[in-house]
Amino acid sequence: MSGIRESDAVRAADERLRQAAEAGAPCAPVRDLLGETDQDAAYAVQSLGIARRVAEGRRIVGRKIGLTSPAVQAQFGVYSPDYGVLLDDMVVADREPLDIGRFLQPRVEAEVAFVLGRDLDSPTTHVADVLRATEFVLPAIEIVDSRVAGWDIRITDTIADNASSGAVVLGTTPRRLEGLDLTELGMTLDRDGEPVSTGSGAACLGSPVTAVAWLARAVAAHGRPLRAGEVILSGALGPMVAASAGVYRARLEGLGEVRVDFTGSASLASAEGAAA
């Protein structure tokens, strides 16, 4: 992103989150460094972290929208959307076994993933632009994770932490948007066959299409527009739930299903968070 702010506070926040990720031990919130409202500073922290990982050999493959669902917003007392960056090592295949110990405090939520067939580079992007630009959509499970201890986050904490990104599991059967009403799309997420979250497209800023339009405008304004080929996670369709070892399956009406098989043992931080 152009004009990255590298103040002492921004660099200190980036270093705190980096150490937490590398040590596998959650850290204190970074809002003591950035304040609770300075989103520009928080995005500067996010950009430093992404730039470092790209320099280490990672590749940007898409973006994600966070905090679109009122239910998720209410969980954390954060009442505006944000966005993060998806890297190649964050993408997991449908049904691929995934060691839950890879994450610190994982939670899961079901989403619609958009794959773009053309750029969305205007700061005035609207829903018709999104519909024209979308090549296909997929069902997805996002694994959200926080480097901040106990998920004690406000908007600047989660933005700086790459919108609390962990990984994404993508379905494998693409669907065109023609004839799909994503506003009325129903979602059920279950664990080992027992429902743990339900929702609909309307919970995602009114429609996942509306959410992607919001994202396109936001990232274009920051100088990093959405590009053809990118995967866009459009936001949660219902409440996120704490993850543990087991099989999580998301069913999205009209789009099919996707599942993740968590294996292994959760980290201490994750176990403590689930018990809280």
Protein backbone atom coordinates (compact mmCIF):
# COMPACT_ATOMS: atom_id res chain seq x y z
CA MET A 1 0.00 0.00 0.00
CA SER A 2 1.29 3.46 -0.85
CA GLY A 3 2.36 5.83 1.87
CA ILE A 4 2.97 3.20 4.56
CA ARG A 5 3.48 4.90 7.91
CA GLU A 6 6.55 3.55 9.67
CA SER A 7 6.36 5.44 12.93
CA ASP A 8 7.90 3.93 16.04
CA ALA A 9 4.44 2.82 17.18
CA VAL A 10 3.71 1.10 13.87
CA ARG A 11 7.03 -0.73 13.90
CA ALA A 12 6.60 -1.72 17.54
CA ALA A 13 3.12 -3.13 16.88
CA ASP A 14 4.39 -5.10 13.89
CA GLU A 15 7.23 -6.55 15.97
CA ARG A 16 4.88 -7.53 18.82
CA LEU A 17 2.58 -9.43 16.44
CA ARG A 18 5.53 -11.02 14.60
CA GLN A 19 7.01 -12.35 17.83
CA ALA A 20 3.64 -13.74 18.93
CA ALA A 21 3.21 -15.61 15.64
CA GLU A 22 6.74 -17.01 15.63
CA ALA A 23 6.71 -18.01 19.28
CA GLY A 24 3.19 -19.47 19.17
CA ALA A 25 2.28 -17.37 22.20
CA PRO A 26 -0.44 -14.70 21.98
CA CYS A 27 0.53 -11.16 22.87
CA ALA A 28 -1.07 -8.13 24.47
CA PRO A 29 -3.32 -5.98 22.24
CA VAL A 30 -1.52 -3.41 20.09
CA ARG A 31 -4.04 -0.66 20.67
CA ASP A 32 -1.86 0.63 23.49
CA LEU A 33 0.58 1.55 20.72
CA LEU A 34 -1.84 2.59 17.97
CA GLY A 35 -4.88 3.83 19.85
CA GLU A 36 -8.37 2.41 19.37
CA THR A 37 -9.45 4.43 16.32
CA ASP A 38 -6.43 5.05 14.04
CA GLN A 39 -7.22 2.61 11.24
CA ASP A 40 -4.58 4.10 8.93
CA ALA A 41 -1.86 3.24 11.45
CA ALA A 42 -3.33 -0.26 11.87
CA TYR A 43 -3.31 -0.87 8.11
CA ALA A 44 0.30 0.34 8.04
CA VAL A 45 1.15 -2.39 10.56
CA GLN A 46 -0.71 -4.94 8.45
CA SER A 47 1.21 -3.85 5.35
CA LEU A 48 4.56 -4.26 7.08
CA GLY A 49 3.67 -7.80 8.08
CA ILE A 50 2.50 -8.73 4.59
CA ALA A 51 5.56 -7.16 2.95
CA ARG A 52 7.82 -9.21 5.22
CA ARG A 53 6.08 -12.46 4.35
CA VAL A 54 6.18 -11.68 0.63
CA ALA A 55 9.91 -10.98 0.94
CA GLU A 56 10.23 -14.42 2.58
CA GLY A 57 8.68 -16.04 -0.50
CA ARG A 58 4.93 -15.93 0.06
CA ARG A 59 2.53 -14.82 -2.69
CA ILE A 60 -0.61 -12.69 -2.40
CA VAL A 61 -3.59 -14.64 -3.77
CA GLY A 62 -6.57 -12.60 -2.57
CA ARG A 63 -8.24 -10.56 0.16
CA LYS A 64 -10.71 -11.10 2.94
CA ILE A 65 -13.39 -8.98 4.52
CA GLY A 66 -13.79 -9.17 8.26
CA LEU A 67 -16.47 -8.10 10.68
CA THR A 68 -19.36 -8.00 8.21
CA SER A 69 -21.83 -9.99 10.28
CA PRO A 70 -23.69 -8.17 13.08
CA ALA A 71 -23.40 -11.36 15.14
CA VAL A 72 -19.61 -11.39 14.81
CA GLN A 73 -19.39 -7.64 15.40
CA ALA A 74 -21.37 -8.05 18.60
CA GLN A 75 -19.02 -10.82 19.77
CA PHE A 76 -16.10 -8.38 19.84
CA GLY A 77 -17.68 -4.97 20.22
CA VAL A 78 -16.31 -3.91 16.81
CA TYR A 79 -18.87 -2.26 14.56
CA SER A 80 -17.26 -1.63 11.18
CA PRO A 81 -15.84 -4.01 8.56
CA ASP A 82 -12.14 -4.36 7.91
CA TYR A 83 -10.01 -6.28 5.45
CA GLY A 84 -6.90 -8.42 5.24
CA VAL A 85 -4.69 -10.17 2.71
CA LEU A 86 -4.71 -13.85 1.72
CA LEU A 87 -1.35 -15.49 1.04
CA ASP A 88 -0.70 -18.73 -0.80
CA ASP A 89 0.25 -20.67 2.33
CA MET A 90 -3.13 -19.83 3.88
CA VAL A 91 -5.19 -21.74 1.27
CA VAL A 92 -6.21 -25.29 2.19
CA ALA A 93 -7.91 -27.85 -0.04
CA ASP A 94 -11.37 -29.18 0.73
CA ARG A 95 -11.20 -32.18 3.09
CA GLU A 96 -7.44 -31.83 3.52
CA PRO A 97 -6.38 -32.85 7.07
CA LEU A 98 -5.23 -29.77 8.93
CA ASP A 99 -3.23 -29.78 12.17
CA ILE A 100 -5.11 -27.53 14.57
CA GLY A 101 -1.87 -26.93 16.45
CA ARG A 102 -0.82 -24.71 13.54
CA PHE A 103 -3.11 -22.02 14.96
CA LEU A 104 -3.08 -20.10 18.23
CA GLN A 105 -6.79 -19.44 18.92
CA PRO A 106 -8.69 -20.74 15.88
CA ARG A 107 -12.33 -20.12 15.16
CA VAL A 108 -14.29 -21.03 12.06
CA GLU A 109 -16.98 -19.37 9.99
CA ALA A 110 -18.70 -20.14 6.68
CA GLU A 111 -18.45 -17.72 3.77
CA VAL A 112 -18.92 -17.25 0.04
CA ALA A 113 -15.61 -16.97 -1.83
CA PHE A 114 -15.57 -14.91 -5.04
CA VAL A 115 -12.99 -15.52 -7.76
CA LEU A 116 -12.59 -12.50 -10.01
CA GLY A 117 -12.39 -12.66 -13.78
CA ARG A 118 -11.46 -8.99 -14.15
CA ASP A 119 -10.03 -6.18 -12.06
CA LEU A 120 -12.13 -4.13 -9.66
CA ASP A 121 -10.02 -1.00 -9.41
CA SER A 122 -12.44 1.88 -8.97
CA PRO A 123 -13.03 3.68 -5.65
CA THR A 124 -16.68 3.94 -6.75
CA THR A 125 -17.23 0.21 -7.44
CA HIS A 126 -20.87 -0.84 -7.06
CA VAL A 127 -22.72 -4.15 -7.00
CA ALA A 128 -23.21 -4.33 -10.77
CA ASP A 129 -19.45 -4.02 -11.22
CA VAL A 130 -18.95 -6.93 -8.82
CA LEU A 131 -21.47 -9.08 -10.66
CA ARG A 132 -19.77 -8.41 -14.01
CA ALA A 133 -16.29 -9.03 -12.62
CA THR A 134 -17.01 -12.32 -10.80
CA GLU A 135 -15.96 -15.41 -12.71
CA PHE A 136 -17.41 -17.87 -10.19
CA VAL A 137 -18.09 -18.39 -6.49
CA LEU A 138 -17.23 -21.21 -4.10
CA PRO A 139 -18.30 -22.28 -0.62
CA ALA A 140 -15.57 -21.60 1.90
CA ILE A 141 -14.66 -22.06 5.55
CA GLU A 142 -12.45 -19.35 6.94
CA ILE A 143 -10.25 -20.21 9.89
CA VAL A 144 -9.81 -16.98 11.78
CA ASP A 145 -7.04 -16.69 14.32
CA SER A 146 -5.73 -13.96 16.58
CA ARG A 147 -2.23 -13.26 17.75
CA VAL A 148 -3.84 -11.14 20.51
CA ALA A 149 -4.33 -13.04 23.77
CA GLY A 150 -7.89 -14.03 24.60
CA TRP A 151 -9.26 -12.40 21.43
CA ASP A 152 -9.18 -9.12 23.37
CA ILE A 153 -9.46 -7.04 20.21
CA ARG A 154 -10.76 -3.73 18.99
CA ILE A 155 -10.74 -2.52 15.40
CA THR A 156 -7.07 -1.45 15.38
CA ASP A 157 -5.94 -4.75 16.92
CA THR A 158 -7.62 -6.90 14.31
CA ILE A 159 -6.64 -4.72 11.33
CA ALA A 160 -2.99 -4.72 12.40
CA ASP A 161 -3.18 -8.52 12.80
CA ASN A 162 -4.16 -8.92 9.12
CA ALA A 163 -7.85 -8.92 10.01
CA SER A 164 -7.28 -11.89 12.35
CA SER A 165 -6.50 -14.18 9.42
CA GLY A 166 -5.54 -17.82 9.76
CA ALA A 167 -6.42 -19.92 6.72
CA VAL A 168 -9.20 -20.62 4.24
CA VAL A 169 -10.64 -23.90 2.99
CA LEU A 170 -12.14 -23.61 -0.49
CA GLY A 171 -14.74 -25.84 -2.09
CA THR A 172 -13.92 -27.34 -5.47
CA THR A 173 -17.12 -26.94 -7.49
CA PRO A 174 -17.43 -23.46 -9.02
CA ARG A 175 -20.83 -21.84 -9.50
CA ARG A 176 -21.72 -18.95 -11.75
CA LEU A 177 -23.71 -16.13 -10.22
CA GLU A 178 -26.48 -16.28 -12.81
CA GLY A 179 -29.66 -17.39 -11.08
CA LEU A 180 -28.15 -17.30 -7.57
CA ASP A 181 -29.70 -15.05 -4.95
CA LEU A 182 -26.86 -14.69 -2.47
CA THR A 183 -28.98 -12.53 -0.16
CA GLU A 184 -31.35 -15.45 0.53
CA LEU A 185 -28.61 -18.09 0.58
CA GLY A 186 -28.89 -20.22 3.71
CA MET A 187 -25.89 -21.57 5.60
CA THR A 188 -25.40 -24.36 8.12
CA LEU A 189 -22.05 -25.13 9.75
CA ASP A 190 -21.75 -28.35 11.72
CA ARG A 191 -19.08 -30.12 13.73
CA ASP A 192 -19.07 -33.92 13.53
CA GLY A 193 -22.68 -33.72 12.29
CA GLU A 194 -23.98 -31.37 15.00
CA PRO A 195 -24.99 -27.83 13.92
CA VAL A 196 -22.87 -25.13 15.55
CA SER A 197 -23.73 -22.05 13.44
CA THR A 198 -26.45 -21.00 11.02
CA GLY A 199 -26.98 -17.88 8.96
CA SER A 200 -27.69 -16.41 5.56
CA GLY A 201 -26.32 -14.10 2.93
CA ALA A 202 -28.33 -11.23 4.35
CA ALA A 203 -26.15 -11.34 7.48
CA CYS A 204 -23.15 -10.25 5.39
CA LEU A 205 -23.74 -6.49 4.92
CA GLY A 206 -27.10 -7.40 3.40
CA SER A 207 -25.50 -9.54 0.67
CA PRO A 208 -22.03 -10.97 -0.03
CA VAL A 209 -22.09 -8.98 -3.29
CA THR A 210 -22.53 -5.75 -1.33
CA ALA A 211 -19.64 -6.77 0.91
CA VAL A 212 -17.30 -7.31 -2.05
CA ALA A 213 -18.28 -3.91 -3.46
CA TRP A 214 -17.39 -2.35 -0.08
CA LEU A 215 -14.03 -4.12 -0.13
CA ALA A 216 -13.28 -3.05 -3.70
CA ARG A 217 -13.88 0.60 -2.81
CA ALA A 218 -11.84 0.38 0.39
CA VAL A 219 -8.74 -1.24 -1.11
CA ALA A 220 -8.83 0.96 -4.23
CA ALA A 221 -8.78 3.99 -1.93
CA HIS A 222 -5.65 2.53 -0.28
CA GLY A 223 -3.94 2.02 -3.64
CA ARG A 224 -4.13 -1.78 -3.85
CA PRO A 225 -7.21 -2.64 -5.97
CA LEU A 226 -8.67 -6.09 -6.44
CA ARG A 227 -7.20 -7.92 -9.43
CA ALA A 228 -8.42 -10.62 -11.81
CA GLY A 229 -7.72 -14.09 -10.46
CA GLU A 230 -7.84 -13.08 -6.82
CA VAL A 231 -9.91 -15.02 -4.28
CA ILE A 232 -12.14 -12.76 -2.20
CA LEU A 233 -13.64 -13.95 1.09
CA SER A 234 -16.81 -11.93 1.41
CA GLY A 235 -17.44 -12.24 5.16
CA ALA A 236 -19.17 -14.46 7.69
CA LEU A 237 -22.73 -15.65 7.07
CA GLY A 238 -23.29 -16.36 10.77
CA PRO A 239 -21.55 -16.47 14.15
CA MET A 240 -18.00 -17.77 14.28
CA VAL A 241 -17.33 -20.70 16.59
CA ALA A 242 -14.26 -21.88 18.47
CA ALA A 243 -12.50 -24.72 16.66
CA SER A 244 -11.32 -28.01 18.08
CA ALA A 245 -10.25 -31.35 16.63
CA GLY A 246 -13.03 -32.79 14.46
CA VAL A 247 -14.76 -32.39 11.12
CA TYR A 248 -16.42 -29.07 10.30
CA ARG A 249 -18.73 -29.00 7.31
CA ALA A 250 -20.37 -25.90 5.82
CA ARG A 251 -23.42 -26.26 3.59
CA LEU A 252 -24.39 -23.25 1.49
CA GLU A 253 -27.66 -23.43 -0.41
CA GLY A 254 -27.02 -23.43 -4.15
CA LEU A 255 -23.25 -23.63 -3.72
CA GLY A 256 -22.75 -27.04 -2.17
CA GLU A 257 -20.52 -27.86 0.77
CA VAL A 258 -16.95 -27.65 1.98
CA ARG A 259 -15.27 -29.30 4.94
CA VAL A 260 -12.13 -29.13 7.02
CA ASP A 261 -10.78 -32.03 9.09
CA PHE A 262 -8.91 -30.69 12.12
CA THR A 263 -6.41 -33.17 13.52
CA GLY A 264 -3.97 -33.09 16.41
CA SER A 265 -4.21 -31.10 19.62
CA ALA A 266 -5.03 -27.44 20.05
CA SER A 267 -2.43 -25.09 21.44
CA LEU A 268 -2.66 -24.10 25.10
CA ALA A 269 -3.88 -20.65 24.09
CA SER A 270 -6.62 -22.19 21.96
CA ALA A 271 -7.73 -24.56 24.71
CA GLU A 272 -7.86 -21.73 27.24
CA GLY A 273 -9.81 -19.54 24.80
CA ALA A 274 -12.37 -22.26 24.12
CA ALA A 275 -12.89 -22.78 27.86
CA ALA A 276 -13.34 -19.07 28.56
